[in-house]
Amino acid sequence: MAEETKLQRRQMLKMLSAAGLAGLSGSVLAGPGIGVMVPGKGWVKASGEKCMGDGTPLQFIPKTAADDKPLENELEKYPKCPYCGMDRTKWNHSRHLVHYDDGLVDGTCSIHCLAISLSLNIDRGPKAIYAADFASDAQVKPLVDVDKMSYLVGSNLKGTMSAKSKMAFSSGEAAKQAQAAKGGELAKFDDALSAAYLGMANDTLMVRKRRLEKRRRMMEKMKQKQG
C-alpha cells in the first residue's frame, strides 16, 4: 500500500469512525445479564474474570501475536470474526482481513466488521487490507488487496451483517457483469467502507433485533424441555 494512500486512508478512517459509530446505541437491548450471543453456542455469560488490557476500547484490540505472513493458513489462524462470532470459512465470500502496521491481524466476516475493527484500532495504521474475490469459483474465495478490487454496493446480492451488500471483485469486468445481473453501484474500497460506516446504525439495530429474537426462541425451547 503506497505511503500517500495509507496516510489519506488513516485520516479518512478517523473521520468516518467518529461519524459511523455515533449511532451504534439503540433501544434494542441484548437482554438481562452480562454476556453475548455466540453463533453456534447460544448465550454465553461473562465469567467475571479480569484480563490484562480489559476496558474499552482496549478489550477489542487484537490479542493474537504479530503475524508477518497473515495470508498463510489464514482461516486456521483466524477462524471466527472477533466482532460477531461468525465462521469466516462459512462466510468466506464476504470476509476481510486487515494487517496492521505493528504486525497484528484482524480477520473479519465482512466489511461491516472490518469497519468496526478499523474504528476500535484507530491509532493503528492498516499496512494492508484484503477482501475475498466474490467472482472466484474456488470453494474458498481467495483474498486480494482491496486497492485492486472493485466493489458492488447495494445490489440484490445478500449482505453480510448488513442490509446493503458490499461485495468485492478482483476483476472490474466481473463486477460490471454482476451489476448487470444484480444491480447496485460500482465503487472502490474507500467508498464501500464509507457506505459501511453510513449504514452502521441501522445495520447494528437489525443485527440486535435478529439476535434478540434468536435468544427468545432459544429460551422458549429451554422452557419446553424443562417441562
Protein backbone atom coordinates (compact mmCIF):
# COMPACT_ATOMS: atom_id res chain seq x y z
CA MET A 1 0.00 0.00 0.00
CA ALA A 2 1.55 3.33 -1.06
CA GLU A 3 2.53 5.67 1.76
CA GLU A 4 0.34 8.51 0.42
CA THR A 5 -2.65 6.18 0.19
CA LYS A 6 -2.00 4.89 3.72
CA LEU A 7 -1.88 8.46 5.11
CA GLN A 8 -5.07 9.50 3.31
CA ARG A 9 -6.84 6.35 4.45
CA ARG A 10 -5.74 6.85 8.08
CA GLN A 11 -7.17 10.40 8.05
CA MET A 12 -10.39 9.21 6.43
CA LEU A 13 -10.80 6.39 8.96
CA LYS A 14 -10.55 8.79 11.89
CA MET A 15 -13.34 10.94 10.46
CA LEU A 16 -15.55 8.04 9.39
CA SER A 17 -15.21 6.10 12.63
CA ALA A 18 -16.34 9.09 14.65
CA ALA A 19 -19.38 9.55 12.42
CA GLY A 20 -20.19 5.92 11.75
CA LEU A 21 -20.12 4.59 15.29
CA ALA A 22 -22.03 7.51 16.76
CA GLY A 23 -25.33 5.73 16.11
CA LEU A 24 -24.48 2.31 17.48
CA SER A 25 -26.52 2.66 20.65
CA GLY A 26 -30.16 1.74 20.23
CA SER A 27 -33.32 0.82 22.10
CA VAL A 28 -32.96 -2.89 21.35
CA LEU A 29 -31.06 -4.45 24.23
CA ALA A 30 -29.35 -7.81 24.24
CA GLY A 31 -31.30 -8.95 27.27
CA PRO A 32 -30.83 -9.21 31.03
CA GLY A 33 -27.44 -10.06 32.47
CA ILE A 34 -23.98 -9.59 31.03
CA GLY A 35 -22.96 -11.82 28.19
CA VAL A 36 -23.09 -12.26 24.45
CA MET A 37 -24.94 -14.36 21.89
CA VAL A 38 -22.33 -16.52 20.17
CA PRO A 39 -23.46 -18.23 16.95
CA GLY A 40 -23.45 -21.99 17.45
CA LYS A 41 -23.11 -21.69 21.23
CA GLY A 42 -26.06 -19.57 22.29
CA TRP A 43 -25.98 -17.10 25.16
CA VAL A 44 -22.58 -17.05 26.85
CA LYS A 45 -22.41 -15.30 30.21
CA ALA A 46 -19.45 -13.24 31.35
CA SER A 47 -17.03 -15.18 33.55
CA GLY A 48 -16.23 -12.23 35.79
CA GLU A 49 -12.50 -12.85 35.36
CA LYS A 50 -10.23 -9.92 34.63
CA CYS A 51 -7.67 -9.93 31.82
CA MET A 52 -4.77 -7.62 31.15
CA GLY A 53 -5.87 -4.83 28.83
CA ASP A 54 -9.57 -5.15 29.58
CA GLY A 55 -11.53 -1.95 29.25
CA THR A 56 -12.97 -0.13 26.30
CA PRO A 57 -11.54 0.06 23.68
CA LEU A 58 -8.52 -1.96 24.84
CA GLN A 59 -10.55 -5.15 25.19
CA PHE A 60 -11.25 -5.07 21.46
CA ILE A 61 -7.63 -4.80 20.35
CA PRO A 62 -6.49 -7.96 18.54
CA LYS A 63 -4.86 -10.20 21.16
CA THR A 64 -3.04 -12.55 18.82
CA ALA A 65 0.70 -12.30 18.27
CA ALA A 66 2.16 -10.25 15.43
CA ASP A 67 1.95 -12.12 12.13
CA ASP A 68 4.35 -11.39 9.27
CA LYS A 69 2.52 -13.78 6.90
CA PRO A 70 -1.20 -13.25 7.59
CA LEU A 71 -2.41 -14.95 4.40
CA GLU A 72 -0.72 -18.27 5.16
CA ASN A 73 -3.27 -20.70 6.68
CA GLU A 74 -5.41 -17.62 7.23
CA LEU A 75 -8.69 -19.37 8.06
CA GLU A 76 -6.96 -21.71 10.52
CA LYS A 77 -5.35 -18.80 12.34
CA TYR A 78 -8.39 -16.51 12.19
CA PRO A 79 -11.42 -18.84 12.00
CA LYS A 80 -14.02 -16.62 13.67
CA CYS A 81 -14.91 -12.97 13.27
CA PRO A 82 -13.96 -11.38 16.63
CA TYR A 83 -16.82 -8.86 16.47
CA CYS A 84 -19.82 -11.05 15.67
CA GLY A 85 -18.51 -14.60 16.16
CA MET A 86 -19.41 -15.74 12.64
CA ASP A 87 -17.46 -18.55 10.97
CA ARG A 88 -15.16 -16.96 8.37
CA THR A 89 -15.00 -20.16 6.31
CA LYS A 90 -18.79 -20.29 6.02
CA TRP A 91 -18.82 -16.60 5.12
CA ASN A 92 -15.61 -16.75 3.10
CA HIS A 93 -17.23 -14.94 0.15
CA SER A 94 -17.52 -11.69 2.12
CA ARG A 95 -14.61 -11.98 4.55
CA HIS A 96 -11.96 -9.30 5.01
CA LEU A 97 -8.60 -9.20 6.76
CA VAL A 98 -6.59 -6.20 7.95
CA HIS A 99 -2.85 -6.38 8.64
CA TYR A 100 -1.92 -3.50 10.94
CA ASP A 101 1.44 -1.74 10.82
CA ASP A 102 2.57 -3.31 14.11
CA GLY A 103 2.01 -6.81 12.69
CA LEU A 104 -1.29 -7.56 14.43
CA VAL A 105 -4.07 -9.04 12.30
CA ASP A 106 -7.85 -8.87 12.46
CA GLY A 107 -9.80 -11.31 10.31
CA THR A 108 -13.48 -10.38 9.94
CA CYS A 109 -16.54 -11.85 8.25
CA SER A 110 -17.38 -8.73 6.28
CA ILE A 111 -16.58 -5.10 5.51
CA HIS A 112 -19.13 -4.22 8.23
CA CYS A 113 -16.99 -5.85 10.93
CA LEU A 114 -13.82 -4.59 9.27
CA ALA A 115 -15.16 -1.07 9.77
CA ILE A 116 -15.59 -1.84 13.49
CA SER A 117 -12.01 -3.12 13.71
CA LEU A 118 -10.62 -0.03 11.99
CA SER A 119 -12.60 2.20 14.36
CA LEU A 120 -11.55 0.44 17.55
CA ASN A 121 -7.91 0.34 16.44
CA ILE A 122 -7.90 3.99 15.42
CA ASP A 123 -4.24 4.56 16.30
CA ARG A 124 -3.07 1.54 14.31
CA GLY A 125 -2.37 2.13 10.66
CA PRO A 126 -3.53 -0.58 8.22
CA LYS A 127 -0.45 -1.87 6.40
CA ALA A 128 -2.63 -3.93 4.08
CA ILE A 129 -6.31 -4.79 3.81
CA TYR A 130 -7.63 -7.80 1.92
CA ALA A 131 -11.08 -8.86 0.71
CA ALA A 132 -12.46 -12.08 -0.74
CA ASP A 133 -12.83 -12.16 -4.51
CA PHE A 134 -16.57 -12.78 -4.92
CA ALA A 135 -16.13 -13.66 -8.60
CA SER A 136 -13.81 -16.59 -7.89
CA ASP A 137 -15.15 -20.10 -8.50
CA ALA A 138 -12.93 -21.52 -5.73
CA GLN A 139 -14.67 -23.25 -2.83
CA VAL A 140 -12.92 -20.79 -0.51
CA LYS A 141 -12.60 -17.49 -2.32
CA PRO A 142 -9.06 -16.06 -2.28
CA LEU A 143 -8.11 -12.81 -0.57
CA VAL A 144 -6.90 -9.91 -2.72
CA ASP A 145 -5.58 -6.48 -1.73
CA VAL A 146 -8.57 -4.10 -1.59
CA ASP A 147 -6.75 -1.48 -3.66
CA LYS A 148 -7.00 -3.91 -6.60
CA MET A 149 -10.70 -4.62 -6.05
CA SER A 150 -13.93 -3.23 -7.45
CA TYR A 151 -16.91 -3.29 -5.06
CA LEU A 152 -20.55 -3.73 -5.94
CA VAL A 153 -22.59 -1.80 -3.37
CA GLY A 154 -26.33 -2.09 -2.81
CA SER A 155 -27.04 -4.92 -5.26
CA ASN A 156 -29.51 -7.77 -4.83
CA LEU A 157 -26.69 -9.96 -3.52
CA LYS A 158 -27.29 -10.82 0.13
CA GLY A 159 -25.26 -8.69 2.53
CA THR A 160 -23.26 -10.00 5.47
CA MET A 161 -24.08 -8.19 8.73
CA SER A 162 -25.67 -5.50 6.57
CA ALA A 163 -28.91 -4.90 4.72
CA LYS A 164 -26.92 -3.23 1.92
CA SER A 165 -24.44 -5.70 0.44
CA LYS A 166 -20.89 -4.71 -0.45
CA MET A 167 -19.14 -7.45 -2.41
CA ALA A 168 -15.60 -7.24 -3.80
CA PHE A 169 -14.38 -8.36 -7.23
CA SER A 170 -10.76 -8.59 -8.36
CA SER A 171 -11.91 -8.04 -11.94
CA GLY A 172 -13.65 -4.84 -12.92
CA GLU A 173 -15.33 -6.69 -15.78
CA ALA A 174 -16.70 -9.33 -13.40
CA ALA A 175 -18.07 -6.55 -11.19
CA LYS A 176 -19.81 -4.98 -14.19
CA GLN A 177 -21.34 -8.34 -15.15
CA ALA A 178 -22.63 -8.80 -11.60
CA GLN A 179 -24.03 -5.27 -11.68
CA ALA A 180 -25.90 -6.01 -14.91
CA ALA A 181 -27.49 -9.07 -13.28
CA LYS A 182 -27.97 -7.85 -9.71
CA GLY A 183 -27.99 -4.06 -9.86
CA GLY A 184 -26.10 -1.86 -7.41
CA GLU A 185 -23.32 0.68 -7.87
CA LEU A 186 -19.65 0.13 -8.63
CA ALA A 187 -17.22 1.59 -6.11
CA LYS A 188 -13.66 1.49 -4.87
CA PHE A 189 -12.80 0.19 -1.41
CA ASP A 190 -12.81 3.57 0.34
CA ASP A 191 -16.30 4.32 -1.00
CA ALA A 192 -17.56 0.88 0.06
CA LEU A 193 -16.07 1.44 3.53
CA SER A 194 -17.79 4.83 3.73
CA ALA A 195 -21.09 3.12 2.88
CA ALA A 196 -20.43 0.59 5.68
CA TYR A 197 -19.96 3.38 8.19
CA LEU A 198 -23.00 5.31 6.98
CA GLY A 199 -25.19 2.22 7.38
CA MET A 200 -23.68 1.18 10.72
CA ALA A 201 -26.50 2.41 12.95
CA ASN A 202 -29.32 0.71 11.03
CA ASP A 203 -27.30 -2.46 10.45
CA THR A 204 -26.43 -2.71 14.15
CA LEU A 205 -30.08 -2.36 15.14
CA MET A 206 -31.01 -5.02 12.56
CA VAL A 207 -28.44 -7.46 13.95
CA ARG A 208 -29.50 -6.75 17.55
CA LYS A 209 -33.13 -7.48 16.70
CA ARG A 210 -32.23 -10.74 14.96
CA ARG A 211 -30.11 -11.93 17.87
CA LEU A 212 -32.71 -10.89 20.41
CA GLU A 213 -35.27 -12.98 18.52
CA LYS A 214 -32.87 -15.95 18.39
CA ARG A 215 -32.30 -15.67 22.12
CA ARG A 216 -36.07 -15.51 22.73
CA ARG A 217 -36.62 -18.69 20.70
CA MET A 218 -33.75 -20.41 22.47
CA MET A 219 -35.22 -19.56 25.88
CA GLU A 220 -38.63 -20.89 24.79
CA LYS A 221 -37.07 -24.21 23.72
CA MET A 222 -35.26 -24.48 27.04
CA LYS A 223 -38.53 -23.91 28.92
CA GLN A 224 -40.30 -26.57 26.82
CA LYS A 225 -37.55 -29.12 27.55
CA GLN A 226 -37.81 -28.38 31.27
CA GLY A 227 -41.46 -29.22 31.06
